[in-house]
């Protein structure tokens, strides 16, 4: 199972567990009879009694253990978050060299080349490219900033026919799907006198 799929499954299971516990707490709080496995007896029962709250107060190991456990949970959550965010960008592309061998192309090199080709196009002021997907079937997300006088349809057609096709052929990819977002460069209004 891919990492993205595993993350979705874990989040779904955690969400269902929290939804079930929250729903049970709400139902008991609104007066529904508590189930037999419920830890408390009714809607007016407190979560922790005074005896439960003060039971471990006198021991020297309790608070360091609680703080260490919470620190581990926070560190695991941060590790998971950074691993999810880090995997959004493709690291390398597997290229079929045609002789039953393959080569690896750094994705950032292809992103840079594709962005430079796009900027060479007339009317494109700035371009950003992000490659995602799998090593064998990458997809591109492209942001193009267009000069005010450029027709967006013409710019998009030229980008797909030239820069995107050149990148696909250079990497010997059967296809290179792309999502292209266009925006105009902000400029001052011209005065007419």
Protein backbone atom coordinates (compact mmCIF):
# COMPACT_ATOMS: atom_id res chain seq x y z
CA UNK A 1 0.00 0.00 0.00
CA UNK A 2 1.32 3.45 -0.89
CA UNK A 3 2.08 5.96 1.85
CA UNK A 4 -0.78 8.25 0.81
CA UNK A 5 -3.26 5.37 1.00
CA UNK A 6 -1.93 4.26 4.37
CA UNK A 7 -2.23 7.81 5.70
CA UNK A 8 -5.84 8.01 4.53
CA UNK A 9 -6.71 4.65 6.15
CA UNK A 10 -5.08 5.63 9.46
CA UNK A 11 -6.82 9.01 9.46
CA UNK A 12 -10.17 7.38 8.64
CA UNK A 13 -9.80 4.84 11.47
CA UNK A 14 -8.75 7.51 13.94
CA UNK A 15 -11.65 9.70 12.84
CA UNK A 16 -14.17 6.87 13.24
CA UNK A 17 -12.81 6.06 16.70
CA UNK A 18 -13.02 9.69 17.82
CA UNK A 19 -16.50 10.05 16.28
CA UNK A 20 -17.75 6.93 18.12
CA UNK A 21 -16.30 8.06 21.46
CA UNK A 22 -17.58 11.61 21.03
CA UNK A 23 -21.03 10.37 20.02
CA UNK A 24 -21.16 8.05 23.04
CA UNK A 25 -20.15 10.88 25.40
CA UNK A 26 -22.77 13.18 23.85
CA UNK A 27 -25.50 10.54 24.05
CA UNK A 28 -24.78 9.79 27.74
CA UNK A 29 -24.54 13.52 28.47
CA UNK A 30 -27.98 14.07 26.93
CA UNK A 31 -29.51 11.39 29.17
CA UNK A 32 -29.25 8.16 27.19
CA UNK A 33 -28.56 5.12 29.33
CA UNK A 34 -24.84 4.34 29.32
CA UNK A 35 -23.76 1.05 27.74
CA UNK A 36 -22.49 -1.77 29.96
CA UNK A 37 -18.87 -1.18 28.91
CA UNK A 38 -19.04 2.56 29.71
CA UNK A 39 -16.62 3.74 32.40
CA UNK A 40 -19.09 6.09 34.07
CA UNK A 41 -22.60 5.56 35.42
CA UNK A 42 -24.57 8.53 34.14
CA UNK A 43 -24.68 12.07 32.76
CA UNK A 44 -23.76 13.70 36.09
CA UNK A 45 -20.73 11.51 36.71
CA UNK A 46 -17.40 13.36 36.44
CA UNK A 47 -14.60 12.23 34.17
CA UNK A 48 -12.05 12.00 37.01
CA UNK A 49 -12.97 11.92 40.68
CA UNK A 50 -10.96 13.88 43.23
CA UNK A 51 -9.32 10.65 44.41
CA UNK A 52 -8.34 9.75 40.81
CA UNK A 53 -6.98 13.25 40.19
CA UNK A 54 -4.82 13.32 43.34
CA UNK A 55 -3.82 9.63 43.51
CA UNK A 56 -0.41 10.03 41.82
CA UNK A 57 0.35 13.57 43.00
CA UNK A 58 2.78 12.51 45.73
CA UNK A 59 4.95 10.24 43.56
CA UNK A 60 8.01 11.74 41.91
CA UNK A 61 7.80 9.74 38.68
CA UNK A 62 4.22 10.64 37.63
CA UNK A 63 4.61 14.09 36.05
CA UNK A 64 7.93 13.35 34.27
CA UNK A 65 6.30 10.22 32.80
CA UNK A 66 3.22 12.14 31.65
CA UNK A 67 5.35 14.91 30.12
CA UNK A 68 7.66 12.38 28.40
CA UNK A 69 4.69 10.47 26.97
CA UNK A 70 3.10 13.66 25.63
CA UNK A 71 6.45 14.75 24.17
CA UNK A 72 6.75 11.41 22.36
CA UNK A 73 3.22 11.81 20.96
CA UNK A 74 4.02 15.35 19.75
CA UNK A 75 7.31 14.23 18.16
CA UNK A 76 5.59 11.32 16.39
CA UNK A 77 2.88 13.66 15.10
CA UNK A 78 5.50 16.12 13.82
CA UNK A 79 7.47 13.30 12.18
CA UNK A 80 4.33 12.06 10.45
CA UNK A 81 3.41 15.57 9.30
CA UNK A 82 6.85 16.24 7.83
CA UNK A 83 6.87 12.87 6.06
CA UNK A 84 3.50 13.64 4.49
CA UNK A 85 4.54 17.12 3.39
CA UNK A 86 7.94 15.97 2.12
CA UNK A 87 6.44 13.36 -0.20
CA UNK A 88 4.37 15.86 -2.18
CA UNK A 89 7.27 16.55 -4.53
CA UNK A 90 8.65 13.86 -6.79
CA UNK A 91 12.36 13.21 -6.18
CA UNK A 92 13.35 11.40 -9.36
CA UNK A 93 11.98 10.11 -12.64
CA UNK A 94 12.71 6.66 -14.04
CA UNK A 95 13.60 6.92 -17.72
CA UNK A 96 13.55 3.99 -20.13
CA UNK A 97 16.78 4.29 -22.14
CA UNK A 98 15.54 1.95 -24.86
CA UNK A 99 18.13 -0.81 -24.33
CA UNK A 100 16.28 -2.69 -21.56
CA UNK A 101 17.98 -0.43 -19.04
CA UNK A 102 16.79 2.62 -17.18
CA UNK A 103 18.24 5.84 -15.86
CA UNK A 104 17.23 8.21 -13.09
CA UNK A 105 16.56 11.88 -13.77
CA UNK A 106 16.33 14.29 -10.87
CA UNK A 107 12.83 15.74 -10.85
CA UNK A 108 14.09 19.18 -9.84
CA UNK A 109 16.29 19.28 -12.93
CA UNK A 110 13.27 18.55 -15.13
CA UNK A 111 11.16 21.10 -13.24
CA UNK A 112 13.83 23.73 -13.79
CA UNK A 113 14.20 22.92 -17.48
CA UNK A 114 10.44 22.98 -18.03
CA UNK A 115 10.12 26.32 -16.22
CA UNK A 116 12.98 27.82 -18.28
CA UNK A 117 11.36 26.62 -21.53
CA UNK A 118 8.07 28.18 -20.45
CA UNK A 119 9.70 31.55 -19.65
CA UNK A 120 11.33 31.62 -23.10
CA UNK A 121 7.83 31.60 -24.55
CA UNK A 122 6.58 35.03 -25.62
CA UNK A 123 4.38 36.69 -23.01
CA UNK A 124 5.28 34.45 -20.05
CA UNK A 125 6.82 36.54 -17.28
CA UNK A 126 7.38 33.78 -14.71
CA UNK A 127 6.85 30.01 -14.46
CA UNK A 128 6.85 27.52 -11.60
CA UNK A 129 6.71 23.74 -12.05
CA UNK A 130 6.10 20.96 -9.54
CA UNK A 131 6.32 17.30 -10.51
CA UNK A 132 4.23 14.80 -8.56
CA UNK A 133 3.05 11.24 -8.93
CA UNK A 134 5.15 8.14 -9.45
CA UNK A 135 8.66 7.79 -10.81
CA UNK A 136 7.38 6.09 -13.96
CA UNK A 137 4.29 8.26 -14.50
CA UNK A 138 4.90 11.80 -13.29
CA UNK A 139 2.36 14.59 -13.49
CA UNK A 140 3.13 18.29 -13.62
CA UNK A 141 1.55 21.24 -11.86
CA UNK A 142 2.48 24.44 -13.63
CA UNK A 143 1.86 28.07 -12.69
CA UNK A 144 2.38 30.60 -15.47
CA UNK A 145 2.36 34.37 -14.97
CA UNK A 146 1.34 36.04 -18.21
CA UNK A 147 2.01 39.54 -19.44
CA UNK A 148 -1.16 41.69 -19.68
CA UNK A 149 -1.29 41.66 -23.50
CA UNK A 150 -1.12 37.84 -23.89
CA UNK A 151 -4.14 35.75 -24.82
CA UNK A 152 -4.38 32.89 -22.26
CA UNK A 153 -5.58 30.34 -24.83
CA UNK A 154 -2.64 31.08 -27.11
CA UNK A 155 -0.19 30.92 -24.20
CA UNK A 156 -1.59 27.59 -23.00
CA UNK A 157 -1.58 26.09 -26.51
CA UNK A 158 2.00 27.20 -27.09
CA UNK A 159 3.11 25.87 -23.70
CA UNK A 160 1.62 22.43 -24.28
CA UNK A 161 2.82 22.21 -27.88
CA UNK A 162 6.38 23.33 -27.17
CA UNK A 163 7.68 23.25 -23.58
CA UNK A 164 5.57 20.37 -22.27
CA UNK A 165 6.05 18.25 -25.39
CA UNK A 166 9.80 18.93 -25.33
CA UNK A 167 10.02 17.85 -21.67
CA UNK A 168 8.00 14.68 -22.33
CA UNK A 169 10.10 13.71 -25.35
CA UNK A 170 13.40 14.51 -23.62
CA UNK A 171 12.53 12.24 -20.69
CA UNK A 172 11.13 9.58 -23.07
CA UNK A 173 7.84 9.52 -21.19
CA UNK A 174 4.75 8.09 -22.89
CA UNK A 175 2.68 10.93 -21.41
CA UNK A 176 3.11 13.91 -19.10
CA UNK A 177 -0.27 15.09 -17.82
CA UNK A 178 -0.20 18.66 -16.59
CA UNK A 179 -2.44 21.00 -14.65
CA UNK A 180 -1.64 24.54 -15.76
CA UNK A 181 -2.78 27.59 -13.82
CA UNK A 182 -2.59 30.95 -15.51
CA UNK A 183 -2.54 34.35 -13.86
CA UNK A 184 -1.77 37.81 -15.15
CA UNK A 185 1.10 39.95 -13.95
CA UNK A 186 -0.18 42.85 -11.88
CA UNK A 187 0.51 46.16 -13.54
CA UNK A 188 -0.46 49.79 -13.18
CA UNK A 189 -3.29 51.16 -15.20
CA UNK A 190 -2.17 53.19 -18.20
CA UNK A 191 -3.14 56.87 -18.36
CA UNK A 192 -4.86 58.12 -21.42
CA UNK A 193 -4.41 61.81 -22.10
